[in-house]
């Protein structure tokens, strides 16, 4: 694997992410949320009840930065903050029903855009891409590990 190949892979994955995000957002008729807000929403979706401090650690961000993002998402009606009954100083995060609906609609549009793009490829390319999904998932997990 060469530096050029690594650069091409990174660029292709980045381009695909941006195109899917933009096209899915256009289909929903909503403005794109900033990437940082999306990251927090996706984390809370995967780990309901996570605290702001835990979210900051998981995202590799400063707690005050995540706290600001949580405030923005709460004001937008996408996150709720609940006091931890075991430790009233700790706030636990959860998605609102509005956020769940918005995430589901966005996901559906994203899948539709991806399916249409895949349908435009030849069968061999489609098979190679679909076969690579488990390896790409492992790659994303490895890249997310703290170094």
Protein backbone atom coordinates (compact mmCIF):
# COMPACT_ATOMS: atom_id res chain seq x y z
CA UNK A 1 0.00 0.00 0.00
CA UNK A 2 1.44 3.31 -1.07
CA UNK A 3 0.88 6.82 0.19
CA UNK A 4 -0.96 7.57 -3.04
CA UNK A 5 -3.30 4.60 -2.54
CA UNK A 6 -3.95 5.66 1.07
CA UNK A 7 -4.65 9.21 -0.11
CA UNK A 8 -7.04 7.93 -2.76
CA UNK A 9 -8.90 5.73 -0.24
CA UNK A 10 -9.21 8.61 2.22
CA UNK A 11 -10.40 10.98 -0.49
CA UNK A 12 -12.93 8.49 -1.86
CA UNK A 13 -14.38 7.77 1.59
CA UNK A 14 -14.51 11.49 2.43
CA UNK A 15 -16.14 12.35 -0.89
CA UNK A 16 -18.72 9.57 -0.49
CA UNK A 17 -19.55 10.73 3.03
CA UNK A 18 -20.01 14.35 1.95
CA UNK A 19 -22.12 13.48 -1.10
CA UNK A 20 -24.40 11.12 0.83
CA UNK A 21 -24.77 13.63 3.66
CA UNK A 22 -25.56 16.53 1.35
CA UNK A 23 -27.94 14.61 -0.92
CA UNK A 24 -29.80 12.97 1.99
CA UNK A 25 -30.15 16.34 3.70
CA UNK A 26 -31.50 17.92 0.50
CA UNK A 27 -34.11 15.15 0.28
CA UNK A 28 -35.26 15.80 3.84
CA UNK A 29 -35.62 19.51 3.10
CA UNK A 30 -33.65 20.38 6.23
CA UNK A 31 -30.43 22.29 6.65
CA UNK A 32 -27.35 20.21 7.39
CA UNK A 33 -26.40 20.02 11.03
CA UNK A 34 -22.73 20.71 11.73
CA UNK A 35 -20.60 17.55 11.83
CA UNK A 36 -19.89 18.02 15.54
CA UNK A 37 -23.61 18.01 16.34
CA UNK A 38 -24.15 14.92 14.20
CA UNK A 39 -21.31 13.16 16.03
CA UNK A 40 -22.91 13.87 19.39
CA UNK A 41 -26.34 12.72 18.19
CA UNK A 42 -24.91 9.50 16.75
CA UNK A 43 -23.01 8.83 19.97
CA UNK A 44 -26.12 9.37 22.12
CA UNK A 45 -28.08 7.14 19.74
CA UNK A 46 -25.51 4.35 20.23
CA UNK A 47 -25.10 4.99 23.96
CA UNK A 48 -28.30 6.40 25.47
CA UNK A 49 -27.71 7.83 28.93
CA UNK A 50 -24.10 8.78 28.28
CA UNK A 51 -22.92 11.76 30.31
CA UNK A 52 -21.41 14.90 28.82
CA UNK A 53 -18.04 14.02 30.33
CA UNK A 54 -18.18 10.48 28.91
CA UNK A 55 -19.24 11.84 25.52
CA UNK A 56 -16.31 14.26 25.51
CA UNK A 57 -13.89 11.44 26.32
CA UNK A 58 -15.37 9.17 23.66
CA UNK A 59 -15.23 11.95 21.03
CA UNK A 60 -11.78 13.15 22.06
CA UNK A 61 -13.12 16.66 22.64
CA UNK A 62 -13.06 19.12 25.52
CA UNK A 63 -15.95 18.75 27.95
CA UNK A 64 -16.91 22.43 27.57
CA UNK A 65 -17.06 22.01 23.76
CA UNK A 66 -19.38 19.01 24.06
CA UNK A 67 -21.41 20.85 26.69
CA UNK A 68 -21.92 23.73 24.24
CA UNK A 69 -22.98 21.32 21.50
CA UNK A 70 -25.37 19.57 23.90
CA UNK A 71 -26.88 22.96 24.75
CA UNK A 72 -27.41 23.74 21.06
CA UNK A 73 -29.00 20.34 20.41
CA UNK A 74 -31.20 20.66 23.49
CA UNK A 75 -32.37 24.11 22.35
CA UNK A 76 -33.12 22.64 18.92
CA UNK A 77 -35.30 19.97 20.54
CA UNK A 78 -33.04 17.09 19.52
CA UNK A 79 -31.51 16.11 22.86
CA UNK A 80 -32.82 15.92 26.37
CA UNK A 81 -30.80 16.17 29.54
CA UNK A 82 -31.87 14.09 32.51
CA UNK A 83 -30.33 14.20 35.97
CA UNK A 84 -28.75 10.91 37.02
CA UNK A 85 -30.80 9.69 40.00
CA UNK A 86 -27.67 8.17 41.58
CA UNK A 87 -25.63 11.38 41.23
CA UNK A 88 -27.67 14.56 40.77
CA UNK A 89 -24.54 16.41 39.57
CA UNK A 90 -24.37 14.20 36.47
CA UNK A 91 -26.55 14.79 33.42
CA UNK A 92 -27.49 11.85 31.21
CA UNK A 93 -28.24 12.46 27.54
CA UNK A 94 -31.05 11.03 25.45
CA UNK A 95 -32.51 11.61 22.02
CA UNK A 96 -35.91 13.25 21.78
CA UNK A 97 -38.66 11.73 19.65
CA UNK A 98 -38.07 14.55 17.15
CA UNK A 99 -34.41 13.50 16.87
CA UNK A 100 -35.33 9.83 16.44
CA UNK A 101 -37.76 10.70 13.64
CA UNK A 102 -35.26 13.01 11.97
CA UNK A 103 -32.48 10.41 12.17
CA UNK A 104 -34.76 7.72 10.75
CA UNK A 105 -35.87 9.93 7.84
CA UNK A 106 -32.30 10.99 7.12
CA UNK A 107 -31.15 7.35 7.23
CA UNK A 108 -33.87 6.32 4.79
CA UNK A 109 -32.92 9.08 2.35
CA UNK A 110 -29.23 8.21 2.70
CA UNK A 111 -29.95 4.54 1.92
CA UNK A 112 -32.02 5.55 -1.12
CA UNK A 113 -29.23 7.77 -2.48
CA UNK A 114 -26.67 5.03 -1.88
CA UNK A 115 -28.88 2.34 -3.47
CA UNK A 116 -29.40 4.49 -6.56
CA UNK A 117 -25.67 5.12 -6.89
CA UNK A 118 -24.88 1.42 -6.42
CA UNK A 119 -27.49 0.49 -9.03
CA UNK A 120 -25.59 2.62 -11.54
CA UNK A 121 -22.43 0.55 -11.12
CA UNK A 122 -21.73 -2.74 -12.84
CA UNK A 123 -22.41 -5.95 -10.90
CA UNK A 124 -18.71 -6.66 -10.21
CA UNK A 125 -18.15 -3.22 -8.63
CA UNK A 126 -21.32 -3.60 -6.55
CA UNK A 127 -20.26 -7.02 -5.29
CA UNK A 128 -16.76 -5.78 -4.40
CA UNK A 129 -18.13 -2.80 -2.50
CA UNK A 130 -20.71 -4.83 -0.59
CA UNK A 131 -18.12 -7.50 0.24
CA UNK A 132 -15.86 -4.76 1.64
CA UNK A 133 -18.46 -3.52 4.17
CA UNK A 134 -17.23 -5.68 7.11
CA UNK A 135 -13.62 -4.65 6.48
CA UNK A 136 -14.60 -0.97 6.20
CA UNK A 137 -16.50 -1.25 9.49
CA UNK A 138 -13.42 -2.74 11.17
CA UNK A 139 -11.28 -0.02 9.59
CA UNK A 140 -13.55 2.69 11.03
CA UNK A 141 -13.42 1.04 14.46
CA UNK A 142 -9.62 0.84 14.36
CA UNK A 143 -9.28 4.42 13.19
CA UNK A 144 -11.48 5.55 16.10
CA UNK A 145 -9.28 3.87 18.71
CA UNK A 146 -7.20 6.27 20.80
CA UNK A 147 -3.51 6.17 19.92
